[in-house]
PDB file of N, CA and C in Angstrom:
ATOM      1  N   MET A   1       0.650  -1.094   0.000  1.00  0.00           N
ATOM      2  CA  MET A   1       0.041  -0.105  -0.006  1.00  0.00           C
ATOM      3  C   MET A   1       0.828   1.117   0.061  1.00  0.00           C
ATOM      4  N   PRO A   2       2.166   1.270   0.554  1.00  0.00           N
ATOM      5  CA  PRO A   2       2.650   2.699   0.592  1.00  0.00           C
ATOM      6  C   PRO A   2       3.204   2.896  -0.918  1.00  0.00           C
ATOM      7  N   GLN A   3       3.277   1.920  -1.761  1.00  0.00           N
ATOM      8  CA  GLN A   3       3.627   2.132  -3.023  1.00  0.00           C
ATOM      9  C   GLN A   3       2.413   3.014  -3.616  1.00  0.00           C
ATOM     10  N   LYS A   4       1.300   2.675  -3.332  1.00  0.00           N
ATOM     11  CA  LYS A   4       0.074   2.987  -4.196  1.00  0.00           C
ATOM     12  C   LYS A   4      -0.054   4.620  -3.733  1.00  0.00           C
ATOM     13  N   LYS A   5       0.520   5.159  -2.903  1.00  0.00           N
ATOM     14  CA  LYS A   5       0.926   6.633  -2.457  1.00  0.00           C
ATOM     15  C   LYS A   5       1.193   7.462  -3.476  1.00  0.00           C
ATOM     16  N   PHE A   6       2.170   7.071  -4.321  1.00  0.00           N
ATOM     17  CA  PHE A   6       2.838   7.454  -5.403  1.00  0.00           C
ATOM     18  C   PHE A   6       1.633   7.749  -6.470  1.00  0.00           C
ATOM     19  N   LEU A   7       0.687   7.126  -6.360  1.00  0.00           N
ATOM     20  CA  LEU A   7      -0.082   7.206  -7.680  1.00  0.00           C
ATOM     21  C   LEU A   7      -1.392   8.525  -7.500  1.00  0.00           C
ATOM     22  N   ILE A   8      -1.268   8.720  -6.156  1.00  0.00           N
ATOM     23  CA  ILE A   8      -2.066   9.927  -5.702  1.00  0.00           C
ATOM     24  C   ILE A   8      -1.832  11.092  -6.550  1.00  0.00           C
ATOM     25  N   PRO A   9      -0.679  11.558  -6.966  1.00  0.00           N
ATOM     26  CA  PRO A   9      -0.689  12.807  -7.451  1.00  0.00           C
ATOM     27  C   PRO A   9      -1.119  12.271  -9.089  1.00  0.00           C
ATOM     28  N   LEU A  10      -0.795  11.444  -9.485  1.00  0.00           N
ATOM     29  CA  LEU A  10      -1.228  11.181 -10.802  1.00  0.00           C
ATOM     30  C   LEU A  10      -2.973  10.928 -11.081  1.00  0.00           C
ATOM     31  N   ILE A  11      -3.413  10.435  -9.994  1.00  0.00           N
ATOM     32  CA  ILE A  11      -5.048  10.230 -10.064  1.00  0.00           C
ATOM     33  C   ILE A  11      -5.390  11.657  -9.577  1.00  0.00           C
ATOM     34  N   LEU A  12      -4.765  12.621  -8.899  1.00  0.00           N
ATOM     35  CA  LEU A  12      -5.774  13.725  -8.592  1.00  0.00           C
ATOM     36  C   LEU A  12      -5.435  14.719  -9.772  1.00  0.00           C
ATOM     37  N   PHE A  13      -4.265  14.878 -10.221  1.00  0.00           N
ATOM     38  CA  PHE A  13      -3.866  16.117 -11.161  1.00  0.00           C
ATOM     39  C   PHE A  13      -4.141  15.597 -12.820  1.00  0.00           C
ATOM     40  N   GLN A  14      -4.545  14.793 -13.228  1.00  0.00           N
ATOM     41  CA  GLN A  14      -5.034  14.080 -14.317  1.00  0.00           C
ATOM     42  C   GLN A  14      -5.856  14.852 -15.109  1.00  0.00           C
ATOM     43  N   ILE A  15      -7.047  15.598 -14.394  1.00  0.00           N
ATOM     44  CA  ILE A  15      -8.161  16.350 -14.740  1.00  0.00           C
ATOM     45  C   ILE A  15      -7.586  17.788 -15.227  1.00  0.00           C
ATOM     46  N   VAL A  16      -6.571  17.974 -14.609  1.00  0.00           N
ATOM     47  CA  VAL A  16      -5.825  19.574 -14.744  1.00  0.00           C
ATOM     48  C   VAL A  16      -5.743  20.031 -16.302  1.00  0.00           C
ATOM     49  N   PRO A  17      -5.124  18.894 -17.163  1.00  0.00           N
ATOM     50  CA  PRO A  17      -5.018  19.300 -18.537  1.00  0.00           C
ATOM     51  C   PRO A  17      -6.244  19.455 -19.436  1.00  0.00           C
ATOM     52  N   VAL A  18      -7.160  18.602 -18.858  1.00  0.00           N
ATOM     53  CA  VAL A  18      -8.417  18.798 -19.567  1.00  0.00           C
ATOM     54  C   VAL A  18      -9.179  20.177 -19.286  1.00  0.00           C
ATOM     55  N   ILE A  19      -9.448  20.794 -17.949  1.00  0.00           N
ATOM     56  CA  ILE A  19      -9.945  21.770 -17.540  1.00  0.00           C
ATOM     57  C   ILE A  19      -9.186  23.243 -17.752  1.00  0.00           C
ATOM     58  N   ILE A  20      -7.922  23.246 -18.347  1.00  0.00           N
ATOM     59  CA  ILE A  20      -7.029  24.336 -18.489  1.00  0.00           C
ATOM     60  C   ILE A  20      -7.796  24.719 -19.907  1.00  0.00           C
ATOM     61  N   PHE A  21      -8.512  26.108 -19.617  1.00  0.00           N
ATOM     62  CA  PHE A  21      -9.213  27.070 -20.418  1.00  0.00           C
ATOM     63  C   PHE A  21      -9.157  28.404 -20.061  1.00  0.00           C
ATOM     64  N   PRO A  22      -9.321  29.176 -20.896  1.00  0.00           N
ATOM     65  CA  PRO A  22      -9.281  30.709 -20.310  1.00  0.00           C
ATOM     66  C   PRO A  22     -10.622  31.026 -19.545  1.00  0.00           C
ATOM     67  N   LEU A  23     -10.632  31.885 -18.734  1.00  0.00           N
ATOM     68  CA  LEU A  23     -11.469  32.206 -17.562  1.00  0.00           C
ATOM     69  C   LEU A  23     -12.764  32.487 -18.071  1.00  0.00           C
ATOM     70  N   GLU A  24     -13.063  33.218 -18.971  1.00  0.00           N
ATOM     71  CA  GLU A  24     -14.412  33.148 -19.940  1.00  0.00           C
ATOM     72  C   GLU A  24     -14.925  31.897 -20.068  1.00  0.00           C
ATOM     73  N   THR A  25     -14.445  31.002 -20.602  1.00  0.00           N
ATOM     74  CA  THR A  25     -14.804  29.611 -20.869  1.00  0.00           C
ATOM     75  C   THR A  25     -15.249  28.927 -19.826  1.00  0.00           C
ATOM     76  N   ILE A  26     -14.481  29.022 -18.808  1.00  0.00           N
ATOM     77  CA  ILE A  26     -14.818  28.075 -17.847  1.00  0.00           C
ATOM     78  C   ILE A  26     -16.092  28.801 -17.175  1.00  0.00           C
ATOM     79  N   THR A  27     -16.301  30.206 -17.032  1.00  0.00           N
ATOM     80  CA  THR A  27     -17.505  30.613 -16.073  1.00  0.00           C
ATOM     81  C   THR A  27     -18.837  30.028 -16.993  1.00  0.00           C
ATOM     82  N   THR A  28     -18.720  30.238 -18.363  1.00  0.00           N
ATOM     83  CA  THR A  28     -19.858  30.094 -19.221  1.00  0.00           C
ATOM     84  C   THR A  28     -20.551  28.676 -19.438  1.00  0.00           C
ATOM     85  N   GLY A  29     -19.209  27.750 -18.850  1.00  0.00           N
ATOM     86  CA  GLY A  29     -19.710  26.075 -18.883  1.00  0.00           C
ATOM     87  C   GLY A  29     -19.266  25.595 -17.662  1.00  0.00           C
ATOM     88  N   ILE A  30     -19.696  26.211 -16.302  1.00  0.00           N
ATOM     89  CA  ILE A  30     -19.607  25.556 -15.036  1.00  0.00           C
ATOM     90  C   ILE A  30     -20.069  24.468 -14.836  1.00  0.00           C
ATOM     91  N   SER A  31     -20.979  24.081 -15.202  1.00  0.00           N
ATOM     92  CA  SER A  31     -21.811  22.781 -14.900  1.00  0.00           C
ATOM     93  C   SER A  31     -21.154  21.549 -15.564  1.00  0.00           C
ATOM     94  N   ILE A  32     -20.443  22.009 -17.113  1.00  0.00           N
ATOM     95  CA  ILE A  32     -19.620  20.973 -17.795  1.00  0.00           C
ATOM     96  C   ILE A  32     -18.863  20.440 -16.912  1.00  0.00           C
ATOM     97  N   PHE A  33     -17.711  21.428 -16.499  1.00  0.00           N
ATOM     98  CA  PHE A  33     -16.694  21.332 -15.817  1.00  0.00           C
ATOM     99  C   PHE A  33     -16.911  20.282 -14.505  1.00  0.00           C
ATOM    100  N   GLY A  34     -18.336  20.711 -13.683  1.00  0.00           N
ATOM    101  CA  GLY A  34     -18.664  19.551 -12.815  1.00  0.00           C
ATOM    102  C   GLY A  34     -18.849  18.283 -13.175  1.00  0.00           C
ATOM    103  N   ILE A  35     -19.457  18.057 -14.431  1.00  0.00           N
ATOM    104  CA  ILE A  35     -19.708  16.641 -14.633  1.00  0.00           C
ATOM    105  C   ILE A  35     -18.417  16.128 -15.389  1.00  0.00           C
ATOM    106  N   ILE A  36     -17.524  17.086 -15.587  1.00  0.00           N
ATOM    107  CA  ILE A  36     -15.997  16.464 -16.048  1.00  0.00           C
ATOM    108  C   ILE A  36     -15.187  15.813 -15.014  1.00  0.00           C
ATOM    109  N   ALA A  37     -15.484  16.657 -13.824  1.00  0.00           N
ATOM    110  CA  ALA A  37     -14.873  16.327 -12.480  1.00  0.00           C
ATOM    111  C   ALA A  37     -15.435  15.284 -11.983  1.00  0.00           C
ATOM    112  N   LEU A  38     -16.575  15.036 -11.960  1.00  0.00           N
ATOM    113  CA  LEU A  38     -17.279  13.649 -11.422  1.00  0.00           C
ATOM    114  C   LEU A  38     -16.732  12.355 -12.207  1.00  0.00           C
ATOM    115  N   LEU A  39     -16.582  12.533 -13.431  1.00  0.00           N
ATOM    116  CA  LEU A  39     -16.131  11.466 -14.132  1.00  0.00           C
ATOM    117  C   LEU A  39     -14.854  10.985 -14.353  1.00  0.00           C
ATOM    118  N   TYR A  40     -14.115  12.258 -13.846  1.00  0.00           N
ATOM    119  CA  TYR A  40     -12.513  11.849 -13.498  1.00  0.00           C
ATOM    120  C   TYR A  40     -12.322  11.358 -12.286  1.00  0.00           C
ATOM    121  N   ALA A  41     -13.287  11.769 -11.139  1.00  0.00           N
ATOM    122  CA  ALA A  41     -13.207  11.147  -9.975  1.00  0.00           C
ATOM    123  C   ALA A  41     -13.636   9.562  -9.879  1.00  0.00           C
ATOM    124  N   LEU A  42     -14.729   9.212 -10.830  1.00  0.00           N
ATOM    125  CA  LEU A  42     -14.857   7.916 -10.840  1.00  0.00           C
ATOM    126  C   LEU A  42     -13.802   7.112 -11.769  1.00  0.00           C
ATOM    127  N   LEU A  43     -12.764   7.946 -12.534  1.00  0.00           N
ATOM    128  CA  LEU A  43     -12.021   7.257 -13.095  1.00  0.00           C
ATOM    129  C   LEU A  43     -10.645   7.142 -12.470  1.00  0.00           C
ATOM    130  N   GLY A  44     -10.631   8.128 -11.395  1.00  0.00           N
ATOM    131  CA  GLY A  44      -9.155   7.633 -10.310  1.00  0.00           C
ATOM    132  C   GLY A  44      -9.685   6.863  -9.241  1.00  0.00           C
ATOM    133  N   PHE A  45     -10.936   6.751  -9.083  1.00  0.00           N
ATOM    134  CA  PHE A  45     -11.432   5.490  -8.328  1.00  0.00           C
ATOM    135  C   PHE A  45     -11.260   4.295  -8.960  1.00  0.00           C
ATOM    136  N   GLY A  46     -11.302   3.857 -10.261  1.00  0.00           N
ATOM    137  CA  GLY A  46     -11.060   2.890 -10.902  1.00  0.00           C
ATOM    138  C   GLY A  46      -9.250   3.039 -11.011  1.00  0.00           C
ATOM    139  N   ILE A  47      -8.776   3.601 -11.108  1.00  0.00           N
ATOM    140  CA  ILE A  47      -7.414   3.451 -11.125  1.00  0.00           C
ATOM    141  C   ILE A  47      -6.727   3.079  -9.762  1.00  0.00           C
ATOM    142  N   TRP A  48      -7.360   3.456  -8.641  1.00  0.00           N
ATOM    143  CA  TRP A  48      -6.421   3.256  -7.630  1.00  0.00           C
ATOM    144  C   TRP A  48      -7.235   2.057  -6.923  1.00  0.00           C
ATOM    145  N   ARG A  49      -8.325   1.424  -7.409  1.00  0.00           N
ATOM    146  CA  ARG A  49      -8.511   0.021  -7.145  1.00  0.00           C
ATOM    147  C   ARG A  49      -7.872  -0.717  -8.205  1.00  0.00           C
ATOM    148  N   GLY A  50      -7.221  -0.263  -8.912  1.00  0.00           N
ATOM    149  CA  GLY A  50      -6.378  -1.154  -9.912  1.00  0.00           C
ATOM    150  C   GLY A  50      -7.091  -1.817 -11.039  1.00  0.00           C
ATOM    151  N   ARG A  51      -7.818  -1.197 -11.579  1.00  0.00           N
ATOM    152  CA  ARG A  51      -8.539  -1.555 -12.826  1.00  0.00           C
ATOM    153  C   ARG A  51      -7.559  -1.286 -14.187  1.00  0.00           C
ATOM    154  N   ALA A  52      -7.840  -2.310 -14.843  1.00  0.00           N
ATOM    155  CA  ALA A  52      -6.896  -2.198 -16.299  1.00  0.00           C
ATOM    156  C   ALA A  52      -7.540  -1.209 -17.108  1.00  0.00           C
ATOM    157  N   TRP A  53      -9.079  -1.261 -17.175  1.00  0.00           N
ATOM    158  CA  TRP A  53      -9.711  -0.480 -18.155  1.00  0.00           C
ATOM    159  C   TRP A  53      -9.703   1.210 -17.627  1.00  0.00           C
ATOM    160  N   ALA A  54      -9.553   1.223 -16.580  1.00  0.00           N
ATOM    161  CA  ALA A  54      -9.482   2.885 -15.862  1.00  0.00           C
ATOM    162  C   ALA A  54      -7.950   3.227 -16.474  1.00  0.00           C
ATOM    163  N   LEU A  55      -6.965   2.462 -16.294  1.00  0.00           N
ATOM    164  CA  LEU A  55      -5.491   2.922 -16.853  1.00  0.00           C
ATOM    165  C   LEU A  55      -5.536   3.185 -18.581  1.00  0.00           C
ATOM    166  N   THR A  56      -6.304   2.161 -19.374  1.00  0.00           N
ATOM    167  CA  THR A  56      -6.684   2.580 -20.803  1.00  0.00           C
ATOM    168  C   THR A  56      -7.255   3.647 -20.948  1.00  0.00           C
ATOM    169  N   MET A  57      -8.553   3.777 -20.028  1.00  0.00           N
ATOM    170  CA  MET A  57      -9.100   5.089 -20.452  1.00  0.00           C
ATOM    171  C   MET A  57      -8.416   6.406 -20.151  1.00  0.00           C
ATOM    172  N   SER A  58      -7.418   6.164 -19.178  1.00  0.00           N
ATOM    173  CA  SER A  58      -7.142   7.719 -18.687  1.00  0.00           C
ATOM    174  C   SER A  58      -5.696   7.821 -19.760  1.00  0.00           C
ATOM    175  N   ILE A  59      -5.038   6.877 -20.295  1.00  0.00           N
ATOM    176  CA  ILE A  59      -4.091   7.196 -21.264  1.00  0.00           C
ATOM    177  C   ILE A  59      -5.099   7.580 -22.698  1.00  0.00           C
ATOM    178  N   PHE A  60      -6.239   6.770 -23.092  1.00  0.00           N
ATOM    179  CA  PHE A  60      -6.956   7.243 -24.377  1.00  0.00           C
ATOM    180  C   PHE A  60      -7.444   8.598 -23.973  1.00  0.00           C
ATOM    181  N   LEU A  61      -7.871   9.010 -22.882  1.00  0.00           N
ATOM    182  CA  LEU A  61      -8.553  10.675 -22.714  1.00  0.00           C
ATOM    183  C   LEU A  61      -7.427  11.417 -22.674  1.00  0.00           C
ATOM    184  N   GLN A  62      -5.872  11.309 -22.237  1.00  0.00           N
ATOM    185  CA  GLN A  62      -4.980  12.196 -22.508  1.00  0.00           C
ATOM    186  C   GLN A  62      -4.633  12.569 -23.713  1.00  0.00           C
ATOM    187  N   GLY A  63      -4.567  11.372 -24.631  1.00  0.00           N
ATOM    188  CA  GLY A  63      -4.177  11.569 -25.836  1.00  0.00           C
ATOM    189  C   GLY A  63      -5.400  12.077 -26.727  1.00  0.00           C
ATOM    190  N   PHE A  64      -6.740  11.797 -26.386  1.00  0.00           N
ATOM    191  CA  PHE A  64      -7.751  12.411 -27.034  1.00  0.00           C
ATOM    192  C   PHE A  64      -7.932  14.278 -26.735  1.00  0.00           C
ATOM    193  N   ASN A  65      -7.249  14.788 -25.824  1.00  0.00           N
ATOM    194  CA  ASN A  65      -7.091  15.712 -25.375  1.00  0.00           C
ATOM    195  C   ASN A  65      -6.059  16.496 -25.835  1.00  0.00           C
ATOM    196  N   ILE A  66      -4.967  16.060 -26.295  1.00  0.00           N
ATOM    197  CA  ILE A  66      -3.992  16.620 -27.350  1.00  0.00           C
ATOM    198  C   ILE A  66      -4.545  16.522 -28.718  1.00  0.00           C
ATOM    199  N   ILE A  67      -5.076  15.624 -29.125  1.00  0.00           N
ATOM    200  CA  ILE A  67      -5.783  15.834 -30.389  1.00  0.00           C
ATOM    201  C   ILE A  67      -6.901  16.809 -30.741  1.00  0.00           C
ATOM    202  N   ILE A  68      -7.688  16.719 -29.832  1.00  0.00           N
ATOM    203  CA  ILE A  68      -8.461  18.048 -29.821  1.00  0.00           C
ATOM    204  C   ILE A  68      -8.081  19.276 -29.787  1.00  0.00           C
ATOM    205  N   ARG A  69      -7.182  19.464 -28.711  1.00  0.00           N
ATOM    206  CA  ARG A  69      -6.346  20.889 -28.554  1.00  0.00           C
ATOM    207  C   ARG A  69      -5.595  21.210 -29.875  1.00  0.00           C
ATOM    208  N   MET A  70      -5.120  20.163 -30.782  1.00  0.00           N
ATOM    209  CA  MET A  70      -4.368  20.685 -31.889  1.00  0.00           C
ATOM    210  C   MET A  70      -5.470  21.146 -32.875  1.00  0.00           C
ATOM    211  N   MET A  71      -6.731  20.218 -33.006  1.00  0.00           N
ATOM    212  CA  MET A  71      -7.704  20.918 -34.109  1.00  0.00           C
ATOM    213  C   MET A  71      -8.307  22.128 -33.483  1.00  0.00           C
ATOM    214  N   MET A  72      -8.261  22.385 -32.134  1.00  0.00           N
ATOM    215  CA  MET A  72      -8.759  23.775 -31.899  1.00  0.00           C
ATOM    216  C   MET A  72      -7.776  24.881 -31.815  1.00  0.00           C
ATOM    217  N   LEU A  73      -6.542  24.742 -31.896  1.00  0.00           N
ATOM    218  CA  LEU A  73      -5.577  25.726 -31.662  1.00  0.00           C
ATOM    219  C   LEU A  73      -5.877  26.424 -32.875  1.00  0.00           C
ATOM    220  N   PHE A  74      -5.452  25.948 -34.244  1.00  0.00           N
ATOM    221  CA  PHE A  74      -5.540  26.886 -35.297  1.00  0.00           C
ATOM    222  C   PHE A  74      -6.864  27.612 -35.393  1.00  0.00           C
ATOM    223  N   PRO A  75      -8.199  27.445 -35.610  1.00  0.00           N
ATOM    224  CA  PRO A  75      -9.271  28.108 -35.789  1.00  0.00           C
ATOM    225  C   PRO A  75      -9.495  28.925 -34.358  1.00  0.00           C
ATOM    226  N   HIS A  76      -8.939  28.746 -33.518  1.00  0.00           N
ATOM    227  CA  HIS A  76      -9.222  29.693 -32.338  1.00  0.00           C
ATOM    228  C   HIS A  76      -7.898  30.718 -32.022  1.00  0.00           C
ATOM    229  N   ALA A  77      -6.913  30.527 -32.822  1.00  0.00           N
ATOM    230  CA  ALA A  77      -5.664  31.321 -32.783  1.00  0.00           C
ATOM    231  C   ALA A  77      -5.884  32.896 -32.645  1.00  0.00           C
ATOM    232  N   ILE A  78      -6.810  33.296 -33.479  1.00  0.00           N
ATOM    233  CA  ILE A  78      -6.897  34.473 -33.756  1.00  0.00           C
ATOM    234  C   ILE A  78      -8.270  34.972 -32.961  1.00  0.00           C
ATOM    235  N   ARG A  79      -8.377  36.336 -32.738  1.00  0.00           N
ATOM    236  CA  ARG A  79      -9.592  36.595 -31.690  1.00  0.00           C
ATOM    237  C   ARG A  79     -10.792  36.710 -32.809  1.00  0.00           C
ATOM    238  N   ALA A  80     -12.112  36.467 -32.250  1.00  0.00           N
ATOM    239  CA  ALA A  80     -13.430  36.413 -33.112  1.00  0.00           C
ATOM    240  C   ALA A  80     -13.463  37.767 -33.789  1.00  0.00           C
ATOM    241  N   ASP A  81     -12.916  38.918 -33.159  1.00  0.00           N
ATOM    242  CA  ASP A  81     -13.147  40.442 -33.449  1.00  0.00           C
ATOM    243  C   ASP A  81     -12.268  40.828 -34.231  1.00  0.00           C
ATOM    244  N   GLY A  82     -11.266  39.694 -34.772  1.00  0.00           N
ATOM    245  CA  GLY A  82     -10.234  40.118 -35.748  1.00  0.00           C
ATOM    246  C   GLY A  82      -9.068  41.116 -35.130  1.00  0.00           C
ATOM    247  N   GLY A  83      -9.150  40.770 -33.577  1.00  0.00           N
ATOM    248  CA  GLY A  83      -7.979  41.870 -33.179  1.00  0.00           C
ATOM    249  C   GLY A  83      -6.818  41.165 -32.825  1.00  0.00           C
ATOM    250  N   GLY A  84      -6.365  40.258 -33.486  1.00  0.00           N
ATOM    251  CA  GLY A  84      -5.020  39.831 -33.345  1.00  0.00           C
ATOM    252  C   GLY A  84      -4.820  38.538 -32.511  1.00  0.00           C
ATOM    253  N   TRP A  85      -4.101  38.069 -32.335  1.00  0.00           N
ATOM    254  CA  TRP A  85      -3.981  36.731 -31.672  1.00  0.00           C
ATOM    255  C   TRP A  85      -4.537  36.582 -30.425  1.00  0.00           C
ATOM    256  N   ASP A  86      -4.998  35.494 -30.081  1.00  0.00           N
ATOM    257  CA  ASP A  86      -5.539  35.090 -28.729  1.00  0.00           C
ATOM    258  C   ASP A  86      -4.590  34.332 -27.936  1.00  0.00           C
ATOM    259  N   THR A  87      -3.605  35.236 -27.588  1.00  0.00           N
ATOM    260  CA  THR A  87      -2.581  34.483 -26.455  1.00  0.00           C
ATOM    261  C   THR A  87      -2.984  33.696 -25.524  1.00  0.00           C
ATOM    262  N   PRO A  88      -4.045  34.144 -24.514  1.00  0.00           N
ATOM    263  CA  PRO A  88      -4.466  33.390 -23.325  1.00  0.00           C
ATOM    264  C   PRO A  88      -4.972  31.855 -24.125  1.00  0.00           C
ATOM    265  N   TYR A  89      -5.610  31.702 -24.772  1.00  0.00           N
ATOM    266  CA  TYR A  89      -6.209  30.435 -25.376  1.00  0.00           C
ATOM    267  C   TYR A  89      -4.973  29.800 -26.085  1.00  0.00           C
ATOM    268  N   ILE A  90      -3.971  30.547 -26.859  1.00  0.00           N
ATOM    269  CA  ILE A  90      -2.934  29.989 -27.363  1.00  0.00           C
ATOM    270  C   ILE A  90      -1.885  29.202 -26.297  1.00  0.00           C
ATOM    271  N   SER A  91      -1.714  30.003 -25.329  1.00  0.00           N
ATOM    272  CA  SER A  91      -0.657  29.504 -23.803  1.00  0.00           C
ATOM    273  C   SER A  91      -1.359  28.443 -23.504  1.00  0.00           C
ATOM    274  N   MET A  92      -2.713  28.606 -23.126  1.00  0.00           N
ATOM    275  CA  MET A  92      -3.417  27.519 -22.325  1.00  0.00           C
ATOM    276  C   MET A  92      -3.491  26.179 -23.237  1.00  0.00           C
ATOM    277  N   ALA A  93      -3.509  26.350 -24.596  1.00  0.00           N
ATOM    278  CA  ALA A  93      -3.611  25.126 -25.122  1.00  0.00           C
ATOM    279  C   ALA A  93      -2.268  24.291 -25.352  1.00  0.00           C
ATOM    280  N   VAL A  94      -1.306  24.948 -25.229  1.00  0.00           N
ATOM    281  CA  VAL A  94       0.194  24.823 -25.349  1.00  0.00           C
ATOM    282  C   VAL A  94       0.470  24.127 -24.219  1.00  0.00           C
ATOM    283  N   ILE A  95       0.018  24.591 -22.964  1.00  0.00           N
ATOM    284  CA  ILE A  95       0.356  23.849 -21.724  1.00  0.00           C
ATOM    285  C   ILE A  95      -0.835  22.760 -21.410  1.00  0.00           C
ATOM    286  N   SER A  96      -1.491  22.506 -21.841  1.00  0.00           N
ATOM    287  CA  SER A  96      -2.528  21.513 -21.640  1.00  0.00           C
ATOM    288  C   SER A  96      -2.147  20.311 -22.464  1.00  0.00           C
ATOM    289  N   MET A  97      -1.511  20.468 -23.733  1.00  0.00           N
ATOM    290  CA  MET A  97      -0.896  19.475 -24.451  1.00  0.00           C
ATOM    291  C   MET A  97       0.189  19.197 -23.898  1.00  0.00           C
ATOM    292  N   ALA A  98       1.125  19.909 -23.388  1.00  0.00           N
ATOM    293  CA  ALA A  98       2.474  19.621 -22.618  1.00  0.00           C
ATOM    294  C   ALA A  98       2.073  18.828 -21.508  1.00  0.00           C
ATOM    295  N   ILE A  99       1.205  19.048 -20.780  1.00  0.00           N
ATOM    296  CA  ILE A  99       1.006  18.528 -19.510  1.00  0.00           C
ATOM    297  C   ILE A  99       0.095  16.833 -19.794  1.00  0.00           C
ATOM    298  N   SER A 100      -0.919  16.817 -20.739  1.00  0.00           N
ATOM    299  CA  SER A 100      -1.489  15.573 -21.245  1.00  0.00           C
ATOM    300  C   SER A 100      -0.139  14.868 -21.923  1.00  0.00           C
ATOM    301  N   GLY A 101       0.623  15.528 -22.461  1.00  0.00           N
ATOM    302  CA  GLY A 101       1.661  14.478 -23.124  1.00  0.00           C
ATOM    303  C   GLY A 101       2.495  13.761 -22.046  1.00  0.00           C
ATOM    304  N   TRP A 102       3.001  14.756 -20.931  1.00  0.00           N
ATOM    305  CA  TRP A 102       3.707  14.149 -19.674  1.00  0.00           C
ATOM    306  C   TRP A 102       2.960  12.800 -19.122  1.00  0.00           C
ATOM    307  N   PHE A 103       1.301  13.152 -19.045  1.00  0.00           N
ATOM    308  CA  PHE A 103       0.621  12.189 -18.228  1.00  0.00           C
ATOM    309  C   PHE A 103       0.468  10.846 -19.370  1.00  0.00           C
ATOM    310  N   LEU A 104       0.726  11.013 -20.866  1.00  0.00           N
ATOM    311  CA  LEU A 104       0.743   9.802 -21.673  1.00  0.00           C
ATOM    312  C   LEU A 104       2.012   9.226 -21.243  1.00  0.00           C
ATOM    313  N   ILE A 105       2.863   9.690 -21.190  1.00  0.00           N
ATOM    314  CA  ILE A 105       4.387   9.188 -21.159  1.00  0.00           C
ATOM    315  C   ILE A 105       4.436   8.473 -19.938  1.00  0.00           C
ATOM    316  N   ARG A 106       4.168   9.250 -18.600  1.00  0.00           N
ATOM    317  CA  ARG A 106       3.928   8.356 -17.294  1.00  0.00           C
ATOM    318  C   ARG A 106       3.078   7.612 -16.814  1.00  0.00           C
ATOM    319  N   LEU A 107       2.183   7.340 -17.442  1.00  0.00           N
ATOM    320  CA  LEU A 107       0.965   6.414 -17.358  1.00  0.00           C
ATOM    321  C   LEU A 107       1.536   5.325 -17.921  1.00  0.00           C
ATOM    322  N   ASP A 108       2.196   5.320 -19.127  1.00  0.00           N
ATOM    323  CA  ASP A 108       2.544   4.135 -20.028  1.00  0.00           C
ATOM    324  C   ASP A 108       3.905   3.471 -19.294  1.00  0.00           C
ATOM    325  N   LYS A 109       4.570   4.216 -18.625  1.00  0.00           N
ATOM    326  CA  LYS A 109       5.570   3.421 -18.106  1.00  0.00           C
ATOM    327  C   LYS A 109       5.497   2.223 -17.211  1.00  0.00           C
ATOM    328  N   PRO A 110       6.331   1.080 -17.376  1.00  0.00           N
ATOM    329  CA  PRO A 110       5.962   0.051 -16.833  1.00  0.00           C
ATOM    330  C   PRO A 110       5.970   0.165 -15.287  1.00  0.00           C
ATOM    331  N   ASP A 111       6.757   1.051 -14.395  1.00  0.00           N
ATOM    332  CA  ASP A 111       6.695   1.014 -13.116  1.00  0.00           C
ATOM    333  C   ASP A 111       5.229   1.610 -12.761  1.00  0.00           C
ATOM    334  N   VAL A 112       4.827   2.343 -13.480  1.00  0.00           N
ATOM    335  CA  VAL A 112       3.407   3.103 -12.963  1.00  0.00           C
ATOM    336  C   VAL A 112       1.996   1.887 -13.667  1.00  0.00           C
ATOM    337  N   ARG A 113       2.434   1.292 -14.554  1.00  0.00           N
ATOM    338  CA  ARG A 113       1.465   0.383 -15.064  1.00  0.00           C
ATOM    339  C   ARG A 113       1.394  -0.827 -13.960  1.00  0.00           C
ATOM    340  N   SER A 114       2.485  -1.249 -13.302  1.00  0.00           N
ATOM    341  CA  SER A 114       2.332  -2.339 -12.512  1.00  0.00           C
ATOM    342  C   SER A 114       1.741  -2.205 -11.259  1.00  0.00           C
ATOM    343  N   LEU A 115       2.228  -0.780 -10.796  1.00  0.00           N
ATOM    344  CA  LEU A 115       1.589  -0.107  -9.527  1.00  0.00           C
ATOM    345  C   LEU A 115      -0.169  -0.096  -9.745  1.00  0.00           C
ATOM    346  N   ILE A 116      -0.598   0.234 -11.112  1.00  0.00           N
ATOM    347  CA  ILE A 116      -1.737   0.337 -11.026  1.00  0.00           C
ATOM    348  C   ILE A 116      -2.673  -1.108 -11.293  1.00  0.00           C
ATOM    349  N   VAL A 117      -2.180  -2.038 -12.116  1.00  0.00           N
ATOM    350  CA  VAL A 117      -2.722  -3.254 -12.236  1.00  0.00           C
ATOM    351  C   VAL A 117      -2.432  -4.301 -11.586  1.00  0.00           C
ATOM    352  N   SER A 118      -1.632  -4.126 -10.525  1.00  0.00           N
ATOM    353  CA  SER A 118      -1.189  -5.104  -9.600  1.00  0.00           C
ATOM    354  C   SER A 118      -2.414  -5.273  -8.521  1.00  0.00           C
TER     355      SER A 118
END
């Protein structure tokens, strides 16, 4: 059980790259973010219980987050009013993709995989 404490930050913080958005986006869709938090809590519980499906789903969702952020980066890189670059959105999208990439690499390592599925 002491080795499972290593998984707590991976379980708790894997929602972070999914919910990194500019503040105006978060305030308009606060109920959606609550639903996402609940689903990630259930996913974290599955990882803590050692379910292989939860690990696979977590890796899938982090990879899907990268794909969606890449697809949405270029259409939203310029402000809707034509006022130049939307730097908050661009920076948050790049940070989110980097964190999701780190989670993808970390969750697929043999030491983490063996801790979860053992």
